[in-house]
C-alpha atoms as a PDB file:
ATOM      1  CA  MET A   1     -11.954 -75.201  17.192  1.00  0.00           C
ATOM      2  CA  LEU A   2     -14.959 -75.647  19.501  1.00  0.00           C
ATOM      3  CA  SER A   3     -18.303 -73.908  19.799  1.00  0.00           C
ATOM      4  CA  LEU A   4     -18.851 -72.742  23.382  1.00  0.00           C
ATOM      5  CA  GLY A   5     -22.393 -71.408  22.985  1.00  0.00           C
ATOM      6  CA  THR A   6     -24.345 -68.604  21.362  1.00  0.00           C
ATOM      7  CA  TYR A   7     -24.061 -64.951  22.321  1.00  0.00           C
ATOM      8  CA  PRO A   8     -25.854 -63.354  24.159  1.00  0.00           C
ATOM      9  CA  ASP A   9     -27.198 -66.561  25.774  1.00  0.00           C
ATOM     10  CA  ILE A  10     -23.606 -67.257  26.810  1.00  0.00           C
ATOM     11  CA  SER A  11     -21.843 -64.137  28.089  1.00  0.00           C
ATOM     12  CA  LEU A  12     -18.208 -63.340  27.313  1.00  0.00           C
ATOM     13  CA  LYS A  13     -17.274 -64.184  30.884  1.00  0.00           C
ATOM     14  CA  GLU A  14     -18.961 -67.629  30.658  1.00  0.00           C
ATOM     15  CA  ALA A  15     -17.313 -68.238  27.261  1.00  0.00           C
ATOM     16  CA  ARG A  16     -13.847 -67.491  28.708  1.00  0.00           C
ATOM     17  CA  GLU A  17     -14.513 -69.852  31.633  1.00  0.00           C
ATOM     18  CA  ARG A  18     -15.550 -72.627  29.259  1.00  0.00           C
ATOM     19  CA  ARG A  19     -12.479 -71.944  27.072  1.00  0.00           C
ATOM     20  CA  ASP A  20     -10.203 -72.250  30.100  1.00  0.00           C
ATOM     21  CA  ALA A  21     -11.863 -75.531  31.118  1.00  0.00           C
ATOM     22  CA  GLU A  22     -11.339 -76.985  27.628  1.00  0.00           C
ATOM     23  CA  ARG A  23      -7.693 -75.844  27.615  1.00  0.00           C
ATOM     24  CA  LYS A  24      -7.173 -77.649  30.927  1.00  0.00           C
ATOM     25  CA  LYS A  25      -8.419 -80.870  29.282  1.00  0.00           C
ATOM     26  CA  LEU A  26      -5.871 -80.388  26.503  1.00  0.00           C
ATOM     27  CA  ALA A  27      -3.137 -79.976  29.126  1.00  0.00           C
ATOM     28  CA  ASP A  28      -4.311 -83.285  30.649  1.00  0.00           C
ATOM     29  CA  GLN A  29      -3.975 -85.017  27.234  1.00  0.00           C
ATOM     30  CA  ILE A  30      -7.757 -85.105  26.671  1.00  0.00           C
ATOM     31  CA  ASP A  31      -9.122 -84.152  23.240  1.00  0.00           C
ATOM     32  CA  PRO A  32     -12.078 -81.800  24.034  1.00  0.00           C
ATOM     33  CA  ALA A  33     -13.802 -82.429  20.678  1.00  0.00           C
ATOM     34  CA  LEU A  34     -13.563 -86.206  21.007  1.00  0.00           C
ATOM     35  CA  ASN A  35     -14.624 -86.010  24.653  1.00  0.00           C
ATOM     36  CA  ARG A  36     -17.705 -84.045  23.658  1.00  0.00           C
ATOM     37  CA  LYS A  37     -18.623 -86.602  20.965  1.00  0.00           C
ATOM     38  CA  VAL A  38     -18.290 -89.443  23.477  1.00  0.00           C
ATOM     39  CA  ALA A  39     -20.456 -87.581  25.995  1.00  0.00           C
ATOM     40  CA  LYS A  40     -23.095 -87.012  23.311  1.00  0.00           C
ATOM     41  CA  LEU A  41     -23.070 -90.702  22.378  1.00  0.00           C
ATOM     42  CA  VAL A  42     -23.401 -91.710  26.042  1.00  0.00           C
ATOM     43  CA  TRP A  43     -26.313 -89.283  26.501  1.00  0.00           C
ATOM     44  CA  GLY A  44     -28.040 -90.626  23.380  1.00  0.00           C
ATOM     45  CA  ASN A  45     -27.503 -94.204  24.500  1.00  0.00           C
ATOM     46  CA  ASN A  46     -28.948 -93.399  27.925  1.00  0.00           C
ATOM     47  CA  GLN A  47     -31.996 -91.811  26.319  1.00  0.00           C
ATOM     48  CA  ALA A  48     -32.552 -94.842  24.061  1.00  0.00           C
ATOM     49  CA  ASN A  49     -32.146 -97.161  27.051  1.00  0.00           C
ATOM     50  CA  SER A  50     -34.089 -95.073  29.553  1.00  0.00           C
ATOM     51  CA  PHE A  51     -36.802 -96.783  31.578  1.00  0.00           C
ATOM     52  CA  GLU A  52     -39.519 -94.956  29.645  1.00  0.00           C
ATOM     53  CA  ALA A  53     -38.049 -95.808  26.231  1.00  0.00           C
ATOM     54  CA  VAL A  54     -37.726 -99.499  27.101  1.00  0.00           C
ATOM     55  CA  ALA A  55     -41.184 -99.554  28.727  1.00  0.00           C
ATOM     56  CA  ARG A  56     -42.885 -98.032  25.672  1.00  0.00           C
ATOM     57  CA  GLU A  57     -41.015-100.443  23.398  1.00  0.00           C
ATOM     58  CA  TRP A  58     -42.234-103.369  25.542  1.00  0.00           C
ATOM     59  CA  ILE A  59     -45.815-102.029  25.519  1.00  0.00           C
ATOM     60  CA  GLY A  60     -45.653-101.777  21.733  1.00  0.00           C
ATOM     61  CA  LYS A  61     -44.753-105.469  21.526  1.00  0.00           C
ATOM     62  CA  GLN A  62     -47.520-106.502  23.927  1.00  0.00           C
ATOM     63  CA  ALA A  63     -50.155-104.313  22.263  1.00  0.00           C
ATOM     64  CA  THR A  64     -50.375-106.806  19.405  1.00  0.00           C
ATOM     65  CA  ILE A  65     -52.031-109.311  21.770  1.00  0.00           C
ATOM     66  CA  TRP A  66     -53.613-106.954  24.314  1.00  0.00           C
ATOM     67  CA  SER A  67     -56.942-105.200  23.959  1.00  0.00           C
ATOM     68  CA  ASP A  68     -56.835-101.430  23.369  1.00  0.00           C
ATOM     69  CA  ALA A  69     -58.333-100.859  26.810  1.00  0.00           C
ATOM     70  CA  ASN A  70     -55.645-102.917  28.540  1.00  0.00           C
ATOM     71  CA  THR A  71     -52.853-101.193  26.597  1.00  0.00           C
ATOM     72  CA  GLU A  72     -54.260 -97.789  27.484  1.00  0.00           C
ATOM     73  CA  LYS A  73     -54.665 -98.698  31.166  1.00  0.00           C
ATOM     74  CA  ILE A  74     -51.103-100.000  31.623  1.00  0.00           C
ATOM     75  CA  THR A  75     -49.612 -97.051  29.733  1.00  0.00           C
ATOM     76  CA  ARG A  76     -51.612 -94.611  31.858  1.00  0.00           C
ATOM     77  CA  HIS A  77     -50.514 -96.272  35.111  1.00  0.00           C
ATOM     78  CA  LEU A  78     -46.865 -95.873  34.123  1.00  0.00           C
ATOM     79  CA  GLU A  79     -47.314 -92.298  32.892  1.00  0.00           C
ATOM     80  CA  LEU A  80     -48.925 -91.239  36.159  1.00  0.00           C
ATOM     81  CA  ASN A  81     -46.935 -93.253  38.670  1.00  0.00           C
ATOM     82  CA  VAL A  82     -43.479 -94.150  37.311  1.00  0.00           C
ATOM     83  CA  PHE A  83     -42.316 -92.115  34.296  1.00  0.00           C
ATOM     84  CA  PRO A  84     -42.241 -88.715  36.100  1.00  0.00           C
ATOM     85  CA  TRP A  85     -39.608 -90.066  38.534  1.00  0.00           C
ATOM     86  CA  LEU A  86     -37.816 -92.897  36.726  1.00  0.00           C
ATOM     87  CA  GLY A  87     -38.640 -92.380  33.065  1.00  0.00           C
ATOM     88  CA  GLU A  88     -35.433 -90.598  32.041  1.00  0.00           C
ATOM     89  CA  LYS A  89     -33.029 -92.798  34.054  1.00  0.00           C
ATOM     90  CA  PRO A  90     -31.031 -95.509  32.235  1.00  0.00           C
ATOM     91  CA  ILE A  91     -32.892 -98.699  33.011  1.00  0.00           C
ATOM     92  CA  ALA A  92     -29.684-100.494  33.991  1.00  0.00           C
ATOM     93  CA  ASP A  93     -29.004 -97.917  36.747  1.00  0.00           C
ATOM     94  CA  ILE A  94     -32.376 -98.091  38.513  1.00  0.00           C
ATOM     95  CA  GLN A  95     -32.308 -99.552  42.026  1.00  0.00           C
ATOM     96  CA  ALA A  96     -35.051-101.333  43.957  1.00  0.00           C
ATOM     97  CA  LEU A  97     -35.445 -98.454  46.437  1.00  0.00           C
ATOM     98  CA  GLU A  98     -36.186 -96.027  43.599  1.00  0.00           C
ATOM     99  CA  ILE A  99     -38.992 -98.259  42.345  1.00  0.00           C
ATOM    100  CA  LEU A 100     -40.294 -98.658  45.892  1.00  0.00           C
ATOM    101  CA  ALA A 101     -40.457 -94.864  46.306  1.00  0.00           C
ATOM    102  CA  SER A 102     -42.864 -94.654  43.339  1.00  0.00           C
ATOM    103  CA  LEU A 103     -44.946 -97.546  44.676  1.00  0.00           C
ATOM    104  CA  ARG A 104     -45.144 -95.925  48.132  1.00  0.00           C
ATOM    105  CA  ARG A 105     -46.741 -92.830  46.583  1.00  0.00           C
ATOM    106  CA  MET A 106     -49.564 -95.053  45.318  1.00  0.00           C
ATOM    107  CA  GLU A 107     -49.896 -96.770  48.697  1.00  0.00           C
ATOM    108  CA  THR A 108     -50.111 -93.398  50.450  1.00  0.00           C
ATOM    109  CA  ARG A 109     -53.129 -92.358  48.425  1.00  0.00           C
ATOM    110  CA  GLY A 110     -54.811 -95.731  49.044  1.00  0.00           C
ATOM    111  CA  ALA A 111     -54.219 -97.288  45.605  1.00  0.00           C
ATOM    112  CA  VAL A 112     -52.708-100.505  46.989  1.00  0.00           C
ATOM    113  CA  GLY A 113     -54.063-102.713  44.218  1.00  0.00           C
ATOM    114  CA  THR A 114     -52.643-100.365  41.571  1.00  0.00           C
ATOM    115  CA  ALA A 115     -49.261-100.383  43.330  1.00  0.00           C
ATOM    116  CA  HIS A 116     -49.128-104.182  43.137  1.00  0.00           C
ATOM    117  CA  ARG A 117     -50.086-104.162  39.454  1.00  0.00           C
ATOM    118  CA  VAL A 118     -47.500-101.478  38.631  1.00  0.00           C
ATOM    119  CA  MET A 119     -44.794-103.457  40.470  1.00  0.00           C
ATOM    120  CA  GLN A 120     -45.695-106.512  38.390  1.00  0.00           C
ATOM    121  CA  THR A 121     -45.553-104.414  35.200  1.00  0.00           C
ATOM    122  CA  CYS A 122     -42.136-102.999  36.165  1.00  0.00           C
ATOM    123  CA  GLY A 123     -40.861-106.543  36.677  1.00  0.00           C
ATOM    124  CA  GLN A 124     -41.991-107.500  33.175  1.00  0.00           C
ATOM    125  CA  ILE A 125     -40.279-104.408  31.719  1.00  0.00           C
ATOM    126  CA  PHE A 126     -37.003-105.242  33.463  1.00  0.00           C
ATOM    127  CA  ARG A 127     -37.167-108.834  32.234  1.00  0.00           C
ATOM    128  CA  TYR A 128     -37.638-107.487  28.704  1.00  0.00           C
ATOM    129  CA  ALA A 129     -34.628-105.170  29.211  1.00  0.00           C
ATOM    130  CA  ILE A 130     -32.518-108.151  30.323  1.00  0.00           C
ATOM    131  CA  ALA A 131     -33.620-110.185  27.297  1.00  0.00           C
ATOM    132  CA  THR A 132     -32.674-107.319  24.949  1.00  0.00           C
ATOM    133  CA  GLY A 133     -29.279-106.693  26.585  1.00  0.00           C
ATOM    134  CA  ARG A 134     -30.072-103.371  28.257  1.00  0.00           C
ATOM    135  CA  ALA A 135     -30.094-104.512  31.887  1.00  0.00           C
ATOM    136  CA  THR A 136     -28.483-107.316  33.859  1.00  0.00           C
ATOM    137  CA  ARG A 137     -30.985-107.813  36.663  1.00  0.00           C
ATOM    138  CA  ASN A 138     -34.575-107.176  37.728  1.00  0.00           C
ATOM    139  CA  PRO A 139     -34.622-104.945  40.842  1.00  0.00           C
ATOM    140  CA  ALA A 140     -38.436-105.173  41.045  1.00  0.00           C
ATOM    141  CA  ALA A 141     -38.015-108.798  42.128  1.00  0.00           C
ATOM    142  CA  ASP A 142     -36.330-107.559  45.343  1.00  0.00           C
ATOM    143  CA  LEU A 143     -39.560-105.822  46.397  1.00  0.00           C
ATOM    144  CA  ARG A 144     -41.573-108.971  46.995  1.00  0.00           C
ATOM    145  CA  GLY A 145     -43.344-108.526  50.329  1.00  0.00           C
ATOM    146  CA  ALA A 146     -42.468-104.818  50.580  1.00  0.00           C
ATOM    147  CA  LEU A 147     -45.986-103.541  49.810  1.00  0.00           C
ATOM    148  CA  GLN A 148     -49.151-103.690  51.857  1.00  0.00           C
ATOM    149  CA  PRO A 149     -51.162-106.876  51.142  1.00  0.00           C
ATOM    150  CA  MET A 150     -53.589-106.698  48.244  1.00  0.00           C
ATOM    151  CA  PRO A 151     -57.134-105.894  49.403  1.00  0.00           C
ATOM    152  CA  ARG A 152     -59.531-108.788  49.213  1.00  0.00           C
ATOM    153  CA  GLU A 153     -61.451-108.796  45.956  1.00  0.00           C
ATOM    154  CA  LYS A 154     -65.089-107.929  46.404  1.00  0.00           C
ATOM    155  CA  HIS A 155     -67.510-109.961  44.324  1.00  0.00           C
ATOM    156  CA  ARG A 156     -69.768-107.830  42.161  1.00  0.00           C
ATOM    157  CA  ALA A 157     -73.327-107.860  43.416  1.00  0.00           C
ATOM    158  CA  ALA A 158     -75.693-109.964  41.351  1.00  0.00           C
ATOM    159  CA  ILE A 159     -79.249-111.278  41.634  1.00  0.00           C
ATOM    160  CA  THR A 160     -79.196-115.011  40.865  1.00  0.00           C
ATOM    161  CA  ASP A 161     -82.373-116.258  42.588  1.00  0.00           C
ATOM    162  CA  PRO A 162     -85.105-116.740  39.923  1.00  0.00           C
ATOM    163  CA  LYS A 163     -87.703-115.483  42.428  1.00  0.00           C
ATOM    164  CA  ALA A 164     -85.878-112.140  42.584  1.00  0.00           C
ATOM    165  CA  ILE A 165     -85.051-111.884  38.868  1.00  0.00           C
ATOM    166  CA  GLY A 166     -88.694-111.353  37.851  1.00  0.00           C
ATOM    167  CA  PRO A 167     -89.191-108.230  40.028  1.00  0.00           C
ATOM    168  CA  LEU A 168     -85.856-106.863  38.764  1.00  0.00           C
ATOM    169  CA  LEU A 169     -86.912-107.278  35.132  1.00  0.00           C
ATOM    170  CA  ARG A 170     -90.277-105.644  35.791  1.00  0.00           C
ATOM    171  CA  ALA A 171     -88.468-102.722  37.434  1.00  0.00           C
ATOM    172  CA  LEU A 172     -86.205-102.350  34.403  1.00  0.00           C
ATOM    173  CA  ASP A 173     -89.196-102.388  32.058  1.00  0.00           C
ATOM    174  CA  ALA A 174     -90.854 -99.667  34.139  1.00  0.00           C
ATOM    175  CA  TYR A 175     -87.874 -97.315  33.885  1.00  0.00           C
ATOM    176  CA  HIS A 176     -89.188 -93.868  32.912  1.00  0.00           C
ATOM    177  CA  GLY A 177     -85.890 -92.267  31.907  1.00  0.00           C
ATOM    178  CA  SER A 178     -84.153 -92.272  28.529  1.00  0.00           C
ATOM    179  CA  VAL A 179     -85.376 -94.839  26.003  1.00  0.00           C
ATOM    180  CA  VAL A 180     -81.725 -95.427  25.031  1.00  0.00           C
ATOM    181  CA  VAL A 181     -80.796 -96.320  28.615  1.00  0.00           C
ATOM    182  CA  ARG A 182     -83.860 -98.549  28.955  1.00  0.00           C
ATOM    183  CA  CYS A 183     -82.803-100.429  25.812  1.00  0.00           C
ATOM    184  CA  ALA A 184     -79.290-100.778  27.234  1.00  0.00           C
ATOM    185  CA  LEU A 185     -80.718-102.281  30.432  1.00  0.00           C
ATOM    186  CA  ARG A 186     -82.809-104.782  28.472  1.00  0.00           C
ATOM    187  CA  LEU A 187     -79.937-105.759  26.195  1.00  0.00           C
ATOM    188  CA  ALA A 188     -77.612-106.161  29.198  1.00  0.00           C
ATOM    189  CA  SER A 189     -79.903-108.806  30.656  1.00  0.00           C
ATOM    190  CA  LEU A 190     -80.468-110.561  27.311  1.00  0.00           C
ATOM    191  CA  THR A 191     -76.844-110.727  26.077  1.00  0.00           C
ATOM    192  CA  PHE A 192     -74.888-110.638  29.386  1.00  0.00           C
ATOM    193  CA  VAL A 193     -71.820-109.062  27.771  1.00  0.00           C
ATOM    194  CA  ARG A 194     -69.409-106.965  29.810  1.00  0.00           C
ATOM    195  CA  PRO A 195     -70.600-103.385  30.520  1.00  0.00           C
ATOM    196  CA  GLY A 196     -67.814-101.855  28.426  1.00  0.00           C
ATOM    197  CA  GLU A 197     -68.631-104.104  25.484  1.00  0.00           C
ATOM    198  CA  LEU A 198     -72.279-103.053  25.722  1.00  0.00           C
ATOM    199  CA  ARG A 199     -71.920 -99.300  26.001  1.00  0.00           C
ATOM    200  CA  LYS A 200     -69.329 -99.111  23.178  1.00  0.00           C
ATOM    201  CA  ALA A 201     -71.339-101.303  20.797  1.00  0.00           C
ATOM    202  CA  GLU A 202     -71.455 -99.984  17.216  1.00  0.00           C
ATOM    203  CA  TRP A 203     -74.156-100.431  14.591  1.00  0.00           C
ATOM    204  CA  THR A 204     -71.658-101.855  12.095  1.00  0.00           C
ATOM    205  CA  GLU A 205     -71.235-104.830  14.457  1.00  0.00           C
ATOM    206  CA  ILE A 206     -74.930-105.776  14.264  1.00  0.00           C
ATOM    207  CA  ASP A 207     -76.089-108.158  11.534  1.00  0.00           C
ATOM    208  CA  PHE A 208     -79.897-108.137  11.575  1.00  0.00           C
ATOM    209  CA  GLU A 209     -80.205-110.798   8.865  1.00  0.00           C
ATOM    210  CA  LYS A 210     -77.981-113.324  10.628  1.00  0.00           C
ATOM    211  CA  ALA A 211     -79.164-112.219  14.083  1.00  0.00           C
ATOM    212  CA  GLU A 212     -75.589-111.771  15.259  1.00  0.00           C
ATOM    213  CA  TRP A 213     -73.522-109.200  17.120  1.00  0.00           C
ATOM    214  CA  ASN A 214     -69.833-109.407  16.150  1.00  0.00           C
ATOM    215  CA  ILE A 215     -67.608-107.675  18.720  1.00  0.00           C
ATOM    216  CA  PRO A 216     -64.075-107.001  17.396  1.00  0.00           C
ATOM    217  CA  ALA A 217     -60.991-108.212  19.259  1.00  0.00           C
ATOM    218  CA  GLU A 218     -59.801-104.718  20.227  1.00  0.00           C
ATOM    219  CA  ARG A 219     -62.861-104.222  22.428  1.00  0.00           C
ATOM    220  CA  MET A 220     -62.683-107.597  24.152  1.00  0.00           C
ATOM    221  CA  LYS A 221     -60.916-108.276  27.440  1.00  0.00           C
ATOM    222  CA  MET A 222     -59.225-111.385  26.009  1.00  0.00           C
ATOM    223  CA  ALA A 223     -58.317-109.537  22.763  1.00  0.00           C
ATOM    224  CA  LYS A 224     -60.199-112.093  20.652  1.00  0.00           C
ATOM    225  CA  PRO A 225     -63.279-111.398  18.484  1.00  0.00           C
ATOM    226  CA  HIS A 226     -66.550-112.485  20.062  1.00  0.00           C
ATOM    227  CA  LEU A 227     -69.874-113.469  18.506  1.00  0.00           C
ATOM    228  CA  VAL A 228     -73.173-112.958  20.327  1.00  0.00           C
ATOM    229  CA  PRO A 229     -76.205-114.752  18.815  1.00  0.00           C
ATOM    230  CA  LEU A 230     -79.228-112.467  19.103  1.00  0.00           C
ATOM    231  CA  SER A 231     -82.544-113.794  20.347  1.00  0.00           C
ATOM    232  CA  HIS A 232     -85.864-112.581  18.953  1.00  0.00           C
ATOM    233  CA  GLN A 233     -86.192-110.381  22.027  1.00  0.00           C
ATOM    234  CA  SER A 234     -82.731-108.845  21.501  1.00  0.00           C
ATOM    235  CA  LEU A 235     -83.552-108.066  17.871  1.00  0.00           C
ATOM    236  CA  ALA A 236     -86.779-106.389  18.974  1.00  0.00           C
ATOM    237  CA  VAL A 237     -84.818-104.132  21.337  1.00  0.00           C
ATOM    238  CA  LEU A 238     -82.361-103.230  18.582  1.00  0.00           C
ATOM    239  CA  LYS A 239     -85.154-102.439  16.108  1.00  0.00           C
ATOM    240  CA  GLU A 240     -86.739-100.159  18.698  1.00  0.00           C
ATOM    241  CA  LEU A 241     -83.392 -98.451  19.294  1.00  0.00           C
ATOM    242  CA  HIS A 242     -82.263 -98.072  15.671  1.00  0.00           C
ATOM    243  CA  PRO A 243     -84.461 -95.083  14.674  1.00  0.00           C
ATOM    244  CA  LEU A 244     -83.232 -93.208  17.760  1.00  0.00           C
ATOM    245  CA  THR A 245     -79.456 -93.652  17.440  1.00  0.00           C
ATOM    246  CA  ALA A 246     -78.760 -94.749  13.847  1.00  0.00           C
ATOM    247  CA  ARG A 247     -77.160 -91.360  13.120  1.00  0.00           C
ATOM    248  CA  SER A 248     -74.419 -92.214  15.592  1.00  0.00           C
ATOM    249  CA  LYS A 249     -71.977 -95.062  15.095  1.00  0.00           C
ATOM    250  CA  TYR A 250     -72.818 -96.153  18.648  1.00  0.00           C
ATOM    251  CA  LEU A 251     -75.940 -98.014  19.709  1.00  0.00           C
ATOM    252  CA  PHE A 252     -75.877 -96.092  22.977  1.00  0.00           C
ATOM    253  CA  PRO A 253     -74.349 -92.660  22.346  1.00  0.00           C
ATOM    254  CA  SER A 254     -73.793 -90.080  25.036  1.00  0.00           C
ATOM    255  CA  PRO A 255     -76.713 -87.640  25.373  1.00  0.00           C
ATOM    256  CA  ARG A 256     -74.160 -84.843  25.010  1.00  0.00           C
ATOM    257  CA  SER A 257     -72.485 -86.060  21.830  1.00  0.00           C
ATOM    258  CA  ASN A 258     -73.169 -88.690  19.165  1.00  0.00           C
ATOM    259  CA  MET A 259     -69.411 -88.977  18.723  1.00  0.00           C
ATOM    260  CA  ARG A 260     -68.838 -90.912  21.961  1.00  0.00           C
ATOM    261  CA  PRO A 261     -70.635 -93.709  23.819  1.00  0.00           C
ATOM    262  CA  MET A 262     -72.688 -93.227  26.952  1.00  0.00           C
ATOM    263  CA  SER A 263     -70.830 -93.078  30.256  1.00  0.00           C
ATOM    264  CA  ASP A 264     -69.854 -95.990  32.494  1.00  0.00           C
ATOM    265  CA  ASN A 265     -72.411 -94.915  35.067  1.00  0.00           C
ATOM    266  CA  ALA A 266     -75.468 -94.577  32.817  1.00  0.00           C
ATOM    267  CA  VAL A 267     -76.787 -98.104  33.466  1.00  0.00           C
ATOM    268  CA  LEU A 268     -75.753 -98.100  37.131  1.00  0.00           C
ATOM    269  CA  SER A 269     -77.377 -94.730  37.773  1.00  0.00           C
ATOM    270  CA  ALA A 270     -80.617 -95.929  36.141  1.00  0.00           C
ATOM    271  CA  MET A 271     -80.733 -98.973  38.423  1.00  0.00           C
ATOM    272  CA  ARG A 272     -80.089 -96.842  41.485  1.00  0.00           C
ATOM    273  CA  ARG A 273     -82.913 -94.465  40.529  1.00  0.00           C
ATOM    274  CA  MET A 274     -85.221 -97.488  40.316  1.00  0.00           C
ATOM    275  CA  GLY A 275     -84.278 -98.468  43.848  1.00  0.00           C
ATOM    276  CA  VAL A 276     -81.949-101.351  42.942  1.00  0.00           C
ATOM    277  CA  GLY A 277     -79.155-100.991  45.501  1.00  0.00           C
ATOM    278  CA  LYS A 278     -75.450-101.443  44.771  1.00  0.00           C
ATOM    279  CA  GLU A 279     -75.392-104.362  47.211  1.00  0.00           C
ATOM    280  CA  GLU A 280     -78.074-106.076  45.061  1.00  0.00           C
ATOM    281  CA  MET A 281     -77.036-105.647  41.437  1.00  0.00           C
ATOM    282  CA  THR A 282     -74.331-104.123  39.231  1.00  0.00           C
ATOM    283  CA  GLY A 283     -73.924-103.835  35.472  1.00  0.00           C
ATOM    284  CA  HIS A 284     -71.566-106.805  35.636  1.00  0.00           C
ATOM    285  CA  GLY A 285     -74.128-108.732  37.674  1.00  0.00           C
ATOM    286  CA  PHE A 286     -76.122-109.761  34.600  1.00  0.00           C
ATOM    287  CA  ARG A 287     -73.208-112.048  33.691  1.00  0.00           C
ATOM    288  CA  ALA A 288     -73.279-113.817  37.049  1.00  0.00           C
ATOM    289  CA  MET A 289     -77.073-114.030  36.817  1.00  0.00           C
ATOM    290  CA  ALA A 290     -76.935-115.750  33.422  1.00  0.00           C
ATOM    291  CA  ARG A 291     -74.073-118.029  34.369  1.00  0.00           C
ATOM    292  CA  THR A 292     -75.810-119.277  37.519  1.00  0.00           C
ATOM    293  CA  VAL A 293     -79.307-119.722  36.117  1.00  0.00           C
ATOM    294  CA  LEU A 294     -78.252-121.267  32.803  1.00  0.00           C
ATOM    295  CA  ASP A 295     -76.208-123.843  34.689  1.00  0.00           C
ATOM    296  CA  GLU A 296     -78.355-124.590  37.734  1.00  0.00           C
ATOM    297  CA  VAL A 297     -81.885-124.052  36.407  1.00  0.00           C
ATOM    298  CA  LEU A 298     -81.802-124.510  32.628  1.00  0.00           C
ATOM    299  CA  GLN A 299     -79.126-127.231  32.749  1.00  0.00           C
ATOM    300  CA  VAL A 300     -77.071-125.840  29.855  1.00  0.00           C
ATOM    301  CA  ARG A 301     -73.623-127.339  29.292  1.00  0.00           C
ATOM    302  CA  PRO A 302     -71.022-125.256  31.199  1.00  0.00           C
ATOM    303  CA  ASP A 303     -68.667-124.947  28.222  1.00  0.00           C
ATOM    304  CA  TYR A 304     -71.440-123.359  26.138  1.00  0.00           C
ATOM    305  CA  ILE A 305     -72.027-120.829  28.917  1.00  0.00           C
ATOM    306  CA  GLU A 306     -68.326-120.067  29.434  1.00  0.00           C
ATOM    307  CA  HIS A 307     -67.772-119.610  25.728  1.00  0.00           C
ATOM    308  CA  GLN A 308     -70.702-117.199  25.478  1.00  0.00           C
ATOM    309  CA  LEU A 309     -69.280-115.277  28.443  1.00  0.00           C
ATOM    310  CA  ALA A 310     -66.072-114.880  26.365  1.00  0.00           C
ATOM    311  CA  HIS A 311     -64.024-116.742  28.950  1.00  0.00           C
ATOM    312  CA  ALA A 312     -60.981-118.801  28.010  1.00  0.00           C
ATOM    313  CA  VAL A 313     -62.470-122.178  27.035  1.00  0.00           C
ATOM    314  CA  ARG A 314     -60.362-125.030  25.654  1.00  0.00           C
ATOM    315  CA  ASP A 315     -61.195-128.366  24.093  1.00  0.00           C
ATOM    316  CA  PRO A 316     -59.849-131.694  25.464  1.00  0.00           C
ATOM    317  CA  ASN A 317     -56.672-131.230  23.384  1.00  0.00           C
ATOM    318  CA  GLY A 318     -55.956-127.853  24.963  1.00  0.00           C
ATOM    319  CA  ARG A 319     -56.871-125.810  21.896  1.00  0.00           C
ATOM    320  CA  ALA A 320     -58.883-122.632  22.350  1.00  0.00           C
ATOM    321  CA  TYR A 321     -62.316-122.743  20.746  1.00  0.00           C
ATOM    322  CA  ASN A 322     -62.843-120.222  17.951  1.00  0.00           C
ATOM    323  CA  ARG A 323     -65.575-117.597  17.956  1.00  0.00           C
ATOM    324  CA  THR A 324     -68.052-119.779  16.045  1.00  0.00           C
ATOM    325  CA  ALA A 325     -67.556-122.938  18.109  1.00  0.00           C
ATOM    326  CA  HIS A 326     -70.878-124.557  19.144  1.00  0.00           C
ATOM    327  CA  LEU A 327     -72.720-121.702  17.439  1.00  0.00           C
ATOM    328  CA  PRO A 328     -75.990-123.636  16.828  1.00  0.00           C
ATOM    329  CA  GLU A 329     -76.055-124.715  20.481  1.00  0.00           C
ATOM    330  CA  ARG A 330     -75.288-121.198  21.675  1.00  0.00           C
ATOM    331  CA  ARG A 331     -78.065-119.770  19.466  1.00  0.00           C
ATOM    332  CA  LYS A 332     -80.481-122.175  21.095  1.00  0.00           C
ATOM    333  CA  MET A 333     -79.145-121.268  24.537  1.00  0.00           C
ATOM    334  CA  MET A 334     -79.536-117.499  23.986  1.00  0.00           C
ATOM    335  CA  GLN A 335     -83.127-117.942  22.802  1.00  0.00           C
ATOM    336  CA  GLN A 336     -83.856-120.247  25.735  1.00  0.00           C
ATOM    337  CA  TRP A 337     -82.424-117.633  28.101  1.00  0.00           C
ATOM    338  CA  ALA A 338     -84.523-114.814  26.611  1.00  0.00           C
ATOM    339  CA  ASP A 339     -87.679-116.929  26.777  1.00  0.00           C
ATOM    340  CA  TYR A 340     -86.946-117.840  30.395  1.00  0.00           C
ATOM    341  CA  LEU A 341     -86.541-114.156  31.299  1.00  0.00           C
ATOM    342  CA  ASP A 342     -89.932-113.456  29.709  1.00  0.00           C
ATOM    343  CA  GLU A 343     -91.388-116.253  31.800  1.00  0.00           C
ATOM    344  CA  LEU A 344     -89.934-114.814  35.010  1.00  0.00           C
ATOM    345  CA  ARG A 345     -91.060-111.311  34.042  1.00  0.00           C
ATOM    346  CA  THR A 346     -94.722-112.362  33.811  1.00  0.00           C
ATOM    347  CA  GLN A 347     -94.792-114.509  36.965  1.00  0.00           C
ATOM    348  CA  LYS A 348     -96.394-112.997  40.055  1.00  0.00           C
END
């Protein structure tokens, strides 16, 4: 006995045709019920071993060491550019030309850099599938040289000449827009954290008594917690800001909603309105400014600077420094940096 469908979704005519097809299998010594079970098992196996299923499993493993932002970015790239075309296919059946077709769509719209990154991600997914017994080869490896060359990386604009830093700081102080944005500009120069780390800062991360800003690992590029010693000047900015935004969990909430941080462009737009061109300075440029001046002018040890920039710094034995390494020296450095900015700000 076999179910051939539900009436009226399946008409009597269609039911008779299906019955005749199953009877033909019986005549060919094929058990229709067993054949259907096998087909269902094959379908389920293909679904479990589809490219999307394996990719999401791999992402889940990597997410334990990635930052939330990196996990979200890689997942989004696959959802937009690969899953719609290859997601349901068994990963073992995917050929290099099928991957290339997805990459070409990105090239066509000018996203060459994204295409290269997605190809690299696909290669990692296939290697994971091989390691877990669900594929025998990595077809993405056959595509080496098939894409347009990666565009040359453009360095983010930054002002690093002390003679030009003073006028920039005076321009930031004279900003007549939102007090919240002005505080963000001042804190960007004093702490030189990444723009995303700044705009998503939360009040629970600020310890006024210890003069520290503790950024959790999930918001850091390197997925490791980061500690920012706060100078007297940084604390003054935070105390000015606190009465304005303490009702939000964010230091710099969006003007439209306290439930989310201000936009990526808030700081950039403020600088543009003050006449600071994009070829002169970016939000990321404060990091290059601090790195250059601390090294070349203030003669601070490079490893102190790199550690405060949250770069990968290792000791002579190859071990990564922890978040509190050289903390007294870094406190001194951050205060020295803030004092030097004040000095530049008042020079004519």
